Amino acid sequence: MTTVLAQPVIDRRVTAFLSGSKKMLIDGKWVDAASGKTFATYDPSTGEVLAQVAEGDGEDIDRSDWSCNTLPK
């Protein structure tokens, strides 16, 4: 007996969304990582790259922390 797995049909809107680099939301704005670095996220079922995602580091944490501390209390 042979099992055949069908490749799922992915909606074009999902494909369009995943095609570009993903940014971080800091202070209500979508921004690139301060370093400009990204990393790949993978589809666990195929091993294919789904998207490139902003790779945050200490400077990004500082930017986020600063924006939180400037909010009215």
PDB file of N, CA and C in Angstrom:
ATOM      1  N   MET A   1       0.843  -1.177   0.000  1.00  0.00           N
ATOM      2  CA  MET A   1       0.000   0.000   0.000  1.00  0.00           C
ATOM      3  C   MET A   1       0.894   1.246   0.000  1.00  0.00           C
ATOM      4  N   THR A   2       0.584   2.176  -0.856  1.00  0.00           N
ATOM      5  CA  THR A   2       1.353   3.405  -0.972  1.00  0.00           C
ATOM      6  C   THR A   2       0.489   4.579  -0.531  1.00  0.00           C
ATOM      7  N   THR A   3       1.056   5.448   0.268  1.00  0.00           N
ATOM      8  CA  THR A   3       0.347   6.651   0.705  1.00  0.00           C
ATOM      9  C   THR A   3       0.889   7.837  -0.072  1.00  0.00           C
ATOM     10  N   VAL A   4      -0.013   8.600  -0.633  1.00  0.00           N
ATOM     11  CA  VAL A   4       0.370   9.788  -1.391  1.00  0.00           C
ATOM     12  C   VAL A   4      -0.128  11.008  -0.630  1.00  0.00           C
ATOM     13  N   LEU A   5       0.784  11.900  -0.327  1.00  0.00           N
ATOM     14  CA  LEU A   5       0.407  13.131   0.366  1.00  0.00           C
ATOM     15  C   LEU A   5       0.253  14.255  -0.648  1.00  0.00           C
ATOM     16  N   ALA A   6      -0.892  14.875  -0.618  1.00  0.00           N
ATOM     17  CA  ALA A   6      -1.142  15.993  -1.537  1.00  0.00           C
ATOM     18  C   ALA A   6      -0.515  17.261  -0.979  1.00  0.00           C
ATOM     19  N   GLN A   7       0.071  18.039  -1.843  1.00  0.00           N
ATOM     20  CA  GLN A   7       0.625  19.329  -1.456  1.00  0.00           C
ATOM     21  C   GLN A   7      -0.541  20.287  -1.233  1.00  0.00           C
ATOM     22  N   PRO A   8      -0.618  20.953  -0.075  1.00  0.00           N
ATOM     23  CA  PRO A   8      -1.736  21.859   0.170  1.00  0.00           C
ATOM     24  C   PRO A   8      -1.693  23.058  -0.775  1.00  0.00           C
ATOM     25  N   VAL A   9      -2.863  23.544  -1.103  1.00  0.00           N
ATOM     26  CA  VAL A   9      -2.971  24.734  -1.932  1.00  0.00           C
ATOM     27  C   VAL A   9      -2.925  25.936  -0.987  1.00  0.00           C
ATOM     28  N   ILE A  10      -1.958  26.819  -1.202  1.00  0.00           N
ATOM     29  CA  ILE A  10      -1.799  27.989  -0.343  1.00  0.00           C
ATOM     30  C   ILE A  10      -2.406  29.190  -1.044  1.00  0.00           C
ATOM     31  N   ASP A  11      -3.281  29.859  -0.337  1.00  0.00           N
ATOM     32  CA  ASP A  11      -3.951  31.047  -0.868  1.00  0.00           C
ATOM     33  C   ASP A  11      -2.909  32.074  -1.311  1.00  0.00           C
ATOM     34  N   ARG A  12      -3.156  32.741  -2.414  1.00  0.00           N
ATOM     35  CA  ARG A  12      -2.203  33.713  -2.967  1.00  0.00           C
ATOM     36  C   ARG A  12      -1.930  34.860  -1.999  1.00  0.00           C
ATOM     37  N   ARG A  13      -2.909  35.195  -1.139  1.00  0.00           N
ATOM     38  CA  ARG A  13      -2.699  36.272  -0.167  1.00  0.00           C
ATOM     39  C   ARG A  13      -1.692  35.856   0.897  1.00  0.00           C
ATOM     40  N   VAL A  14      -1.715  34.592   1.257  1.00  0.00           N
ATOM     41  CA  VAL A  14      -0.735  34.079   2.218  1.00  0.00           C
ATOM     42  C   VAL A  14       0.650  34.099   1.590  1.00  0.00           C
ATOM     43  N   THR A  15       0.740  33.648   0.360  1.00  0.00           N
ATOM     44  CA  THR A  15       2.014  33.657  -0.360  1.00  0.00           C
ATOM     45  C   THR A  15       2.557  35.076  -0.474  1.00  0.00           C
ATOM     46  N   ALA A  16       1.683  36.030  -0.796  1.00  0.00           N
ATOM     47  CA  ALA A  16       2.113  37.432  -0.916  1.00  0.00           C
ATOM     48  C   ALA A  16       2.609  37.957   0.427  1.00  0.00           C
ATOM     49  N   PHE A  17       1.911  37.619   1.498  1.00  0.00           N
ATOM     50  CA  PHE A  17       2.313  38.071   2.830  1.00  0.00           C
ATOM     51  C   PHE A  17       3.678  37.511   3.212  1.00  0.00           C
ATOM     52  N   LEU A  18       3.912  36.261   2.919  1.00  0.00           N
ATOM     53  CA  LEU A  18       5.156  35.607   3.315  1.00  0.00           C
ATOM     54  C   LEU A  18       6.338  35.961   2.421  1.00  0.00           C
ATOM     55  N   SER A  19       6.088  36.552   1.265  1.00  0.00           N
ATOM     56  CA  SER A  19       7.162  36.773   0.301  1.00  0.00           C
ATOM     57  C   SER A  19       8.174  37.833   0.722  1.00  0.00           C
ATOM     58  N   GLY A  20       7.782  38.812   1.497  1.00  0.00           N
ATOM     59  CA  GLY A  20       8.711  39.864   1.898  1.00  0.00           C
ATOM     60  C   GLY A  20       9.280  39.619   3.280  1.00  0.00           C
ATOM     61  N   SER A  21      10.258  40.427   3.658  1.00  0.00           N
ATOM     62  CA  SER A  21      10.830  40.334   4.998  1.00  0.00           C
ATOM     63  C   SER A  21       9.823  40.838   6.025  1.00  0.00           C
ATOM     64  N   LYS A  22       9.840  40.225   7.183  1.00  0.00           N
ATOM     65  CA  LYS A  22       8.948  40.610   8.275  1.00  0.00           C
ATOM     66  C   LYS A  22       9.696  41.525   9.235  1.00  0.00           C
ATOM     67  N   LYS A  23       9.027  42.561   9.660  1.00  0.00           N
ATOM     68  CA  LYS A  23       9.635  43.559  10.535  1.00  0.00           C
ATOM     69  C   LYS A  23       9.151  43.381  11.970  1.00  0.00           C
ATOM     70  N   MET A  24       9.687  44.190  12.876  1.00  0.00           N
ATOM     71  CA  MET A  24       9.283  44.189  14.276  1.00  0.00           C
ATOM     72  C   MET A  24       8.369  45.382  14.517  1.00  0.00           C
ATOM     73  N   LEU A  25       7.417  45.219  15.428  1.00  0.00           N
ATOM     74  CA  LEU A  25       6.526  46.311  15.794  1.00  0.00           C
ATOM     75  C   LEU A  25       7.096  46.985  17.037  1.00  0.00           C
ATOM     76  N   ILE A  26       7.626  48.191  16.855  1.00  0.00           N
ATOM     77  CA  ILE A  26       8.179  48.970  17.962  1.00  0.00           C
ATOM     78  C   ILE A  26       7.564  50.358  17.903  1.00  0.00           C
ATOM     79  N   ASP A  27       6.989  50.777  19.002  1.00  0.00           N
ATOM     80  CA  ASP A  27       6.387  52.112  19.103  1.00  0.00           C
ATOM     81  C   ASP A  27       5.314  52.324  18.036  1.00  0.00           C
ATOM     82  N   GLY A  28       4.538  51.260  17.758  1.00  0.00           N
ATOM     83  CA  GLY A  28       3.444  51.365  16.806  1.00  0.00           C
ATOM     84  C   GLY A  28       3.863  51.402  15.346  1.00  0.00           C
ATOM     85  N   LYS A  29       5.141  51.148  15.079  1.00  0.00           N
ATOM     86  CA  LYS A  29       5.640  51.181  13.692  1.00  0.00           C
ATOM     87  C   LYS A  29       6.340  49.863  13.372  1.00  0.00           C
ATOM     88  N   TRP A  30       6.160  49.402  12.134  1.00  0.00           N
ATOM     89  CA  TRP A  30       6.871  48.210  11.669  1.00  0.00           C
ATOM     90  C   TRP A  30       8.258  48.641  11.213  1.00  0.00           C
ATOM     91  N   VAL A  31       9.286  48.138  11.892  1.00  0.00           N
ATOM     92  CA  VAL A  31      10.664  48.559  11.627  1.00  0.00           C
ATOM     93  C   VAL A  31      11.570  47.350  11.405  1.00  0.00           C
ATOM     94  N   ASP A  32      12.637  47.576  10.649  1.00  0.00           N
ATOM     95  CA  ASP A  32      13.677  46.561  10.493  1.00  0.00           C
ATOM     96  C   ASP A  32      14.498  46.491  11.776  1.00  0.00           C
ATOM     97  N   ALA A  33      15.213  45.411  11.961  1.00  0.00           N
ATOM     98  CA  ALA A  33      16.149  45.306  13.073  1.00  0.00           C
ATOM     99  C   ALA A  33      17.204  46.403  12.920  1.00  0.00           C
ATOM    100  N   ALA A  34      17.660  46.943  14.026  1.00  0.00           N
ATOM    101  CA  ALA A  34      18.675  48.002  13.984  1.00  0.00           C
ATOM    102  C   ALA A  34      19.921  47.527  13.230  1.00  0.00           C
ATOM    103  N   SER A  35      20.250  46.263  13.377  1.00  0.00           N
ATOM    104  CA  SER A  35      21.432  45.698  12.709  1.00  0.00           C
ATOM    105  C   SER A  35      21.175  45.409  11.229  1.00  0.00           C
ATOM    106  N   GLY A  36      19.903  45.368  10.842  1.00  0.00           N
ATOM    107  CA  GLY A  36      19.557  45.006   9.472  1.00  0.00           C
ATOM    108  C   GLY A  36      19.532  43.498   9.243  1.00  0.00           C
ATOM    109  N   LYS A  37      19.858  42.724  10.276  1.00  0.00           N
ATOM    110  CA  LYS A  37      19.909  41.268  10.136  1.00  0.00           C
ATOM    111  C   LYS A  37      18.505  40.667  10.106  1.00  0.00           C
ATOM    112  N   THR A  38      18.394  39.538   9.403  1.00  0.00           N
ATOM    113  CA  THR A  38      17.175  38.746   9.392  1.00  0.00           C
ATOM    114  C   THR A  38      17.555  37.283   9.571  1.00  0.00           C
ATOM    115  N   PHE A  39      16.555  36.462   9.869  1.00  0.00           N
ATOM    116  CA  PHE A  39      16.779  35.018   9.902  1.00  0.00           C
ATOM    117  C   PHE A  39      15.602  34.325   9.236  1.00  0.00           C
ATOM    118  N   ALA A  40      15.854  33.137   8.753  1.00  0.00           N
ATOM    119  CA  ALA A  40      14.825  32.377   8.048  1.00  0.00           C
ATOM    120  C   ALA A  40      13.945  31.631   9.038  1.00  0.00           C
ATOM    121  N   THR A  41      12.640  31.570   8.743  1.00  0.00           N
ATOM    122  CA  THR A  41      11.720  30.691   9.460  1.00  0.00           C
ATOM    123  C   THR A  41      11.275  29.628   8.465  1.00  0.00           C
ATOM    124  N   TYR A  42      11.149  28.410   8.939  1.00  0.00           N
ATOM    125  CA  TYR A  42      10.927  27.276   8.053  1.00  0.00           C
ATOM    126  C   TYR A  42       9.560  26.628   8.261  1.00  0.00           C
ATOM    127  N   ASP A  43       9.003  26.111   7.181  1.00  0.00           N
ATOM    128  CA  ASP A  43       7.791  25.303   7.232  1.00  0.00           C
ATOM    129  C   ASP A  43       8.212  23.945   7.772  1.00  0.00           C
ATOM    130  N   PRO A  44       7.714  23.545   8.944  1.00  0.00           N
ATOM    131  CA  PRO A  44       8.169  22.280   9.514  1.00  0.00           C
ATOM    132  C   PRO A  44       7.743  21.055   8.708  1.00  0.00           C
ATOM    133  N   SER A  45       6.718  21.202   7.879  1.00  0.00           N
ATOM    134  CA  SER A  45       6.262  20.043   7.108  1.00  0.00           C
ATOM    135  C   SER A  45       7.080  19.814   5.839  1.00  0.00           C
ATOM    136  N   THR A  46       7.744  20.873   5.348  1.00  0.00           N
ATOM    137  CA  THR A  46       8.508  20.724   4.096  1.00  0.00           C
ATOM    138  C   THR A  46       9.974  21.091   4.236  1.00  0.00           C
ATOM    139  N   GLY A  47      10.288  21.850   5.277  1.00  0.00           N
ATOM    140  CA  GLY A  47      11.656  22.332   5.442  1.00  0.00           C
ATOM    141  C   GLY A  47      11.972  23.545   4.589  1.00  0.00           C
ATOM    142  N   GLU A  48      10.986  24.023   3.816  1.00  0.00           N
ATOM    143  CA  GLU A  48      11.202  25.194   2.963  1.00  0.00           C
ATOM    144  C   GLU A  48      11.128  26.482   3.783  1.00  0.00           C
ATOM    145  N   VAL A  49      11.853  27.496   3.330  1.00  0.00           N
ATOM    146  CA  VAL A  49      11.819  28.799   3.992  1.00  0.00           C
ATOM    147  C   VAL A  49      10.446  29.429   3.768  1.00  0.00           C
ATOM    148  N   LEU A  50       9.805  29.837   4.873  1.00  0.00           N
ATOM    149  CA  LEU A  50       8.528  30.540   4.787  1.00  0.00           C
ATOM    150  C   LEU A  50       8.735  32.035   4.619  1.00  0.00           C
ATOM    151  N   ALA A  51       9.612  32.587   5.456  1.00  0.00           N
ATOM    152  CA  ALA A  51       9.813  34.039   5.445  1.00  0.00           C
ATOM    153  C   ALA A  51      11.143  34.379   6.089  1.00  0.00           C
ATOM    154  N   GLN A  52      11.605  35.595   5.821  1.00  0.00           N
ATOM    155  CA  GLN A  52      12.761  36.167   6.509  1.00  0.00           C
ATOM    156  C   GLN A  52      12.201  37.119   7.571  1.00  0.00           C
ATOM    157  N   VAL A  53      12.691  36.993   8.783  1.00  0.00           N
ATOM    158  CA  VAL A  53      12.164  37.740   9.916  1.00  0.00           C
ATOM    159  C   VAL A  53      13.274  38.603  10.516  1.00  0.00           C
ATOM    160  N   ALA A  54      12.922  39.822  10.928  1.00  0.00           N
ATOM    161  CA  ALA A  54      13.904  40.724  11.554  1.00  0.00           C
ATOM    162  C   ALA A  54      14.512  40.056  12.782  1.00  0.00           C
ATOM    163  N   GLU A  55      15.830  40.125  12.876  1.00  0.00           N
ATOM    164  CA  GLU A  55      16.560  39.523  14.001  1.00  0.00           C
ATOM    165  C   GLU A  55      16.886  40.613  15.023  1.00  0.00           C
ATOM    166  N   GLY A  56      16.026  40.725  16.023  1.00  0.00           N
ATOM    167  CA  GLY A  56      16.222  41.746  17.049  1.00  0.00           C
ATOM    168  C   GLY A  56      17.410  41.432  17.937  1.00  0.00           C
ATOM    169  N   ASP A  57      18.019  42.487  18.470  1.00  0.00           N
ATOM    170  CA  ASP A  57      19.120  42.324  19.415  1.00  0.00           C
ATOM    171  C   ASP A  57      18.985  43.386  20.509  1.00  0.00           C
ATOM    172  N   GLY A  58      20.032  43.607  21.249  1.00  0.00           N
ATOM    173  CA  GLY A  58      19.983  44.540  22.383  1.00  0.00           C
ATOM    174  C   GLY A  58      19.535  45.943  22.010  1.00  0.00           C
ATOM    175  N   GLU A  59      19.982  46.444  20.877  1.00  0.00           N
ATOM    176  CA  GLU A  59      19.587  47.791  20.469  1.00  0.00           C
ATOM    177  C   GLU A  59      18.084  47.870  20.215  1.00  0.00           C
ATOM    178  N   ASP A  60      17.525  46.811  19.656  1.00  0.00           N
ATOM    179  CA  ASP A  60      16.080  46.778  19.417  1.00  0.00           C
ATOM    180  C   ASP A  60      15.309  46.718  20.735  1.00  0.00           C
ATOM    181  N   ILE A  61      15.842  45.982  21.693  1.00  0.00           N
ATOM    182  CA  ILE A  61      15.220  45.928  23.022  1.00  0.00           C
ATOM    183  C   ILE A  61      15.255  47.315  23.651  1.00  0.00           C
ATOM    184  N   ASP A  62      16.377  48.010  23.521  1.00  0.00           N
ATOM    185  CA  ASP A  62      16.473  49.367  24.066  1.00  0.00           C
ATOM    186  C   ASP A  62      15.465  50.300  23.396  1.00  0.00           C
ATOM    187  N   ARG A  63      15.306  50.188  22.071  1.00  0.00           N
ATOM    188  CA  ARG A  63      14.331  51.028  21.360  1.00  0.00           C
ATOM    189  C   ARG A  63      12.919  50.735  21.857  1.00  0.00           C
ATOM    190  N   SER A  64      12.622  49.468  22.053  1.00  0.00           N
ATOM    191  CA  SER A  64      11.300  49.078  22.526  1.00  0.00           C
ATOM    192  C   SER A  64      11.071  49.566  23.956  1.00  0.00           C
ATOM    193  N   ASP A  65      12.076  49.388  24.797  1.00  0.00           N
ATOM    194  CA  ASP A  65      11.980  49.815  26.188  1.00  0.00           C
ATOM    195  C   ASP A  65      11.791  51.329  26.267  1.00  0.00           C
ATOM    196  N   TRP A  66      12.537  52.080  25.447  1.00  0.00           N
ATOM    197  CA  TRP A  66      12.421  53.532  25.434  1.00  0.00           C
ATOM    198  C   TRP A  66      11.005  53.929  25.046  1.00  0.00           C
ATOM    199  N   SER A  67      10.434  53.298  24.012  1.00  0.00           N
ATOM    200  CA  SER A  67       9.097  53.677  23.567  1.00  0.00           C
ATOM    201  C   SER A  67       8.059  53.346  24.635  1.00  0.00           C
ATOM    202  N   CYS A  68       8.250  52.278  25.372  1.00  0.00           N
ATOM    203  CA  CYS A  68       7.310  51.943  26.453  1.00  0.00           C
ATOM    204  C   CYS A  68       7.399  52.946  27.596  1.00  0.00           C
ATOM    205  N   ASN A  69       8.595  53.409  27.874  1.00  0.00           N
ATOM    206  CA  ASN A  69       8.775  54.339  28.989  1.00  0.00           C
ATOM    207  C   ASN A  69       8.319  55.748  28.668  1.00  0.00           C
ATOM    208  N   THR A  70       8.067  56.049  27.393  1.00  0.00           N
ATOM    209  CA  THR A  70       7.598  57.385  27.034  1.00  0.00           C
ATOM    210  C   THR A  70       6.076  57.465  26.965  1.00  0.00           C
ATOM    211  N   LEU A  71       5.397  56.328  27.183  1.00  0.00           N
ATOM    212  CA  LEU A  71       3.943  56.328  27.167  1.00  0.00           C
ATOM    213  C   LEU A  71       3.406  57.028  28.417  1.00  0.00           C
ATOM    214  N   PRO A  72       2.275  57.727  28.298  1.00  0.00           N
ATOM    215  CA  PRO A  72       1.674  58.355  29.476  1.00  0.00           C
ATOM    216  C   PRO A  72       1.245  57.269  30.475  1.00  0.00           C
ATOM    217  N   LYS A  73       1.420  57.568  31.732  1.00  0.00           N
ATOM    218  CA  LYS A  73       1.052  56.598  32.782  1.00  0.00           C
ATOM    219  C   LYS A  73      -0.208  56.994  33.474  1.00  0.00           C
TER     220      LYS A  73
END
